[in-house]
Protein backbone atom coordinates (compact mmCIF):
# COMPACT_ATOMS: atom_id res chain seq x y z
CA MET A 1 -0.07 0.20 -0.03
CA GLU A 2 1.68 3.42 -0.74
CA THR A 3 -0.18 5.49 1.74
CA PRO A 4 -0.82 4.33 5.36
CA VAL A 5 -4.09 2.54 6.23
CA LYS A 6 -5.65 5.46 8.72
CA ILE A 7 -7.46 3.17 11.57
CA MET A 8 -9.71 4.46 14.24
CA ILE A 9 -10.32 2.61 17.11
CA VAL A 10 -13.67 2.51 19.06
CA ASP A 11 -13.73 0.47 22.45
CA ASP A 12 -15.24 1.61 25.88
CA HIS A 13 -11.86 0.06 27.28
CA GLN A 14 -8.78 2.57 27.08
CA MET A 15 -6.24 -0.52 27.87
CA PHE A 16 -8.20 -2.67 24.96
CA ILE A 17 -7.37 0.67 22.73
CA ASP A 18 -3.81 1.03 23.41
CA GLY A 19 -3.27 -2.98 23.24
CA ILE A 20 -4.24 -2.61 19.82
CA LYS A 21 -2.54 0.69 19.39
CA SER A 22 0.53 -1.05 20.52
CA LEU A 23 0.24 -3.82 17.83
CA LEU A 24 -0.21 -2.04 15.03
CA ARG A 25 2.62 0.86 16.35
CA LYS A 26 5.59 -0.98 14.32
CA GLU A 27 3.55 -1.50 11.26
CA GLU A 28 4.36 1.20 8.72
CA ASN A 29 1.57 0.82 6.41
CA LEU A 30 -0.88 1.51 9.51
CA LEU A 31 -1.60 4.03 11.45
CA VAL A 32 -4.08 5.07 14.26
CA THR A 33 -5.67 8.27 13.71
CA SER A 34 -8.14 8.60 16.40
CA GLU A 35 -9.56 6.35 18.88
CA PHE A 36 -12.89 7.07 21.19
CA LEU A 37 -14.34 5.30 24.29
CA CYS A 38 -17.98 5.25 22.74
CA ALA A 39 -19.79 5.00 19.53
CA GLU A 40 -21.56 8.66 20.13
CA ASP A 41 -18.20 10.43 19.71
CA ALA A 42 -16.82 8.30 17.14
CA LEU A 43 -19.97 9.37 14.87
CA GLU A 44 -20.00 12.62 15.87
CA HIS A 45 -15.88 13.30 14.90
CA LEU A 46 -15.86 10.94 12.12
CA ASP A 47 -13.53 12.40 9.55
CA ILE A 48 -13.96 10.13 6.47
CA ALA A 49 -10.74 11.54 4.96
CA ALA A 50 -8.67 10.61 7.68
CA THR A 51 -10.51 7.06 8.45
CA ASP A 52 -9.99 3.95 6.11
CA LEU A 53 -11.07 1.41 8.84
CA ILE A 54 -12.82 1.22 11.98
CA ILE A 55 -11.85 -1.28 14.43
CA THR A 56 -14.57 -1.52 17.27
CA ASP A 57 -16.01 -3.79 20.09
CA ILE A 58 -19.36 -5.19 20.17
CA SER A 59 -20.27 -4.13 23.74
CA MET A 60 -20.33 -0.68 24.30
CA PRO A 61 -22.82 1.60 26.68
CA GLY A 62 -25.06 3.57 24.59
CA ILE A 63 -24.61 2.83 21.27
CA ASN A 64 -23.09 -0.89 20.54
CA GLY A 65 -20.89 -2.25 17.95
CA ILE A 66 -23.43 -3.92 16.15
CA GLU A 67 -25.66 -0.78 15.66
CA LEU A 68 -22.51 1.64 15.00
CA THR A 69 -21.69 -0.69 12.15
CA LYS A 70 -25.17 -0.43 10.69
CA THR A 71 -24.89 3.27 10.89
CA ILE A 72 -21.67 3.49 9.23
CA LYS A 73 -22.65 1.22 6.27
CA SER A 74 -25.67 2.93 5.50
CA THR A 75 -24.02 6.24 5.63
CA PHE A 76 -20.34 5.37 4.39
CA PRO A 77 -20.83 2.04 2.59
CA ASP A 78 -17.12 2.13 1.18
CA LEU A 79 -15.87 2.85 4.86
CA LYS A 80 -14.58 -0.67 6.23
CA VAL A 81 -15.35 -1.93 9.74
CA LEU A 82 -13.40 -4.74 11.64
CA VAL A 83 -15.22 -5.79 14.77
CA LEU A 84 -12.92 -7.47 17.27
CA SER A 85 -14.97 -8.99 20.44
CA MET A 86 -15.20 -11.54 22.94
CA HIS A 87 -18.42 -12.56 21.79
CA ASN A 88 -19.12 -15.77 19.92
CA ASP A 89 -22.64 -16.58 20.60
CA GLN A 90 -24.46 -17.47 17.29
CA GLU A 91 -27.10 -14.88 17.48
CA VAL A 92 -24.56 -11.96 18.23
CA VAL A 93 -21.95 -13.76 15.06
CA SER A 94 -25.12 -13.46 13.01
CA GLU A 95 -25.99 -9.93 14.05
CA ILE A 96 -22.49 -8.76 12.80
CA MET A 97 -22.81 -10.56 9.83
CA MET A 98 -25.96 -8.84 8.87
CA SER A 99 -24.68 -5.71 9.67
CA GLU A 100 -22.42 -5.92 6.49
CA ALA A 101 -19.44 -5.92 8.64
CA ASP A 102 -16.03 -6.62 6.55
CA GLY A 103 -14.65 -8.73 8.98
CA TYR A 104 -15.17 -10.27 12.75
CA ILE A 105 -12.31 -12.00 14.50
CA LEU A 106 -12.22 -12.52 18.36
CA LYS A 107 -10.15 -10.80 21.10
CA ASN A 108 -8.35 -13.50 22.16
CA THR A 109 -6.74 -13.80 18.07
CA GLY A 110 -2.99 -13.06 17.70
CA LYS A 111 -1.46 -10.27 15.86
CA GLN A 112 -0.68 -12.34 12.87
CA GLU A 113 -4.46 -12.66 12.49
CA LEU A 114 -5.48 -8.99 13.22
CA LEU A 115 -2.85 -8.14 10.73
CA GLU A 116 -4.13 -10.51 8.33
CA ALA A 117 -7.71 -9.19 8.64
CA VAL A 118 -6.79 -5.49 8.44
CA PHE A 119 -4.98 -6.06 5.19
CA LYS A 120 -7.53 -8.55 3.18
CA ILE A 121 -10.18 -6.04 4.20
CA MET A 122 -8.45 -3.27 2.85
CA ASP A 123 -7.50 -5.00 -0.11
CA ASN A 124 -11.79 -4.99 -0.79
CA GLY A 125 -11.87 -8.54 0.77
CA THR A 126 -13.56 -9.83 4.01
CA TYR A 127 -12.14 -11.39 6.93
CA TYR A 128 -14.38 -13.72 9.36
CA SER A 129 -12.09 -15.95 11.47
CA LYS A 130 -12.54 -19.65 10.82
CA GLU A 131 -13.51 -19.68 14.24
CA VAL A 132 -16.62 -17.47 13.53
CA LEU A 133 -17.26 -18.96 10.19
CA SER A 134 -17.74 -22.17 12.24
CA ILE A 135 -20.36 -20.69 14.81
CA MET A 136 -22.59 -19.68 12.05
CA VAL A 137 -22.42 -22.84 9.97
CA ASN A 138 -23.40 -24.85 13.14
CA LYS A 139 -26.51 -21.96 13.56
CA VAL A 140 -27.67 -22.57 9.61
CA LYS A 141 -27.45 -26.66 10.29
CA LYS A 142 -29.54 -26.51 13.51
CA GLU A 143 -32.08 -23.80 12.09
CA GLN A 144 -32.76 -24.87 8.80
CA LYS A 145 -32.28 -27.23 6.08
CA ILE A 146 -30.14 -26.58 2.97
CA GLN A 147 -32.18 -24.68 0.56
CA GLU A 148 -32.39 -24.67 -3.52
CA GLU A 149 -31.42 -21.53 -5.17
CA THR A 150 -34.17 -19.51 -6.41
CA SER A 151 -32.06 -19.10 -9.75
CA PRO A 152 -29.62 -22.33 -9.68
CA LEU A 153 -25.97 -21.83 -10.13
CA THR A 154 -24.07 -23.94 -12.64
CA ASN A 155 -21.63 -26.44 -11.01
CA ARG A 156 -18.29 -23.95 -11.64
CA GLU A 157 -20.54 -21.09 -10.21
CA LYS A 158 -20.92 -23.36 -7.17
CA GLU A 159 -17.22 -24.25 -7.08
CA VAL A 160 -16.40 -20.42 -7.47
CA LEU A 161 -18.77 -19.60 -4.41
CA GLN A 162 -17.40 -22.09 -2.16
CA LEU A 163 -14.10 -20.73 -2.56
CA ILE A 164 -15.23 -17.36 -1.94
CA CYS A 165 -16.80 -18.13 0.96
CA GLN A 166 -13.58 -19.90 2.14
CA GLU A 167 -12.00 -16.33 1.27
CA TYR A 168 -9.69 -17.07 -1.63
CA SER A 169 -9.15 -14.10 -4.10
CA SER A 170 -10.01 -13.99 -7.41
CA GLN A 171 -6.27 -14.75 -8.43
CA GLU A 172 -5.89 -17.71 -5.86
CA ILE A 173 -9.49 -19.27 -7.45
CA ALA A 174 -8.62 -19.01 -10.99
CA ASP A 175 -5.10 -20.67 -10.02
CA LYS A 176 -6.80 -23.51 -8.37
CA LEU A 177 -9.61 -24.28 -10.81
CA PHE A 178 -7.03 -23.77 -13.78
CA ILE A 179 -9.26 -21.05 -15.25
CA GLY A 180 -8.80 -17.69 -16.06
CA ARG A 181 -8.91 -14.20 -13.52
CA ARG A 182 -11.59 -12.90 -16.27
CA THR A 183 -13.40 -15.88 -16.11
CA VAL A 184 -13.26 -16.17 -12.54
CA ASP A 185 -14.61 -12.42 -12.34
CA THR A 186 -17.32 -13.28 -14.79
CA HIS A 187 -18.20 -16.11 -12.60
CA ARG A 188 -18.30 -13.60 -9.53
CA GLN A 189 -20.46 -11.26 -11.16
CA ASN A 190 -22.89 -13.91 -12.45
CA ILE A 191 -23.40 -15.44 -8.89
CA LEU A 192 -23.85 -11.92 -7.71
CA GLN A 193 -26.66 -11.66 -9.92
CA LYS A 194 -28.41 -14.75 -9.50
CA ALA A 195 -28.09 -14.36 -5.43
CA LYS A 196 -29.41 -10.89 -5.64
CA VAL A 197 -26.94 -9.70 -3.55
CA LYS A 198 -23.96 -6.72 -4.08
CA THR A 199 -21.26 -7.43 -1.74
CA ILE A 200 -18.72 -9.97 -0.98
CA VAL A 201 -20.38 -10.19 2.87
CA GLY A 202 -23.95 -11.17 0.79
CA LEU A 203 -22.54 -13.52 -1.40
CA ILE A 204 -21.01 -15.38 2.20
CA LYS A 205 -24.60 -15.12 3.63
CA PHE A 206 -26.28 -16.33 0.35
CA GLY A 207 -23.35 -19.39 0.43
CA MET A 208 -24.08 -20.27 4.10
CA LYS A 209 -27.66 -20.07 3.60
CA ASN A 210 -27.91 -22.54 0.54
CA GLY A 211 -25.13 -24.80 1.74
CA PHE A 212 -22.06 -24.06 -0.02
CA ILE A 213 -19.96 -23.33 3.72
CA SER A 214 -19.77 -26.74 4.74
CA ASP A 215 -16.14 -27.57 5.28
CA LEU A 216 -13.80 -24.90 6.98
């Protein structure tokens, strides 16, 4: 990345904020530009020009992290949001995914996964840790039977969608399936149209609903 990723941290515990800053301090491509102890202050002082990514917790007094994410995504859809929380409850994970957060990892993660999540999100990807995705898979398995798609996908589109759900990039999918990058992008657009979604997060939700994430 040519310019540093400008990061805002929102959490009601200063110790957590300081910890994240400490982990990111030595990364020359990452710069913490603002920090807030509540979502209300973060929204009031949000400077889009000075923020590329927001790292937030879920449990905060007043506006919580889920509501914060929904507000940001509805107002500034291009602004990236990474949720970093201790919550691994199925319903909470589901709410975060429905809020269109770009990523969700648990607070017991290590520095390497945090950095991987940040860089993948800033490369226009998503990052939901395997533990989080497994929670969602178990929820889907318990609550509903696998459904057939309203607009059936071809076998190749199913392969591409499954790899997308497993966080493979377009180039990685092309290499794995021995097809061209442009072909992968075409399949991706076709899947978006058939799934009637606009984002990668939407595709992941579609994939889970229809049973394409079964082996993580």
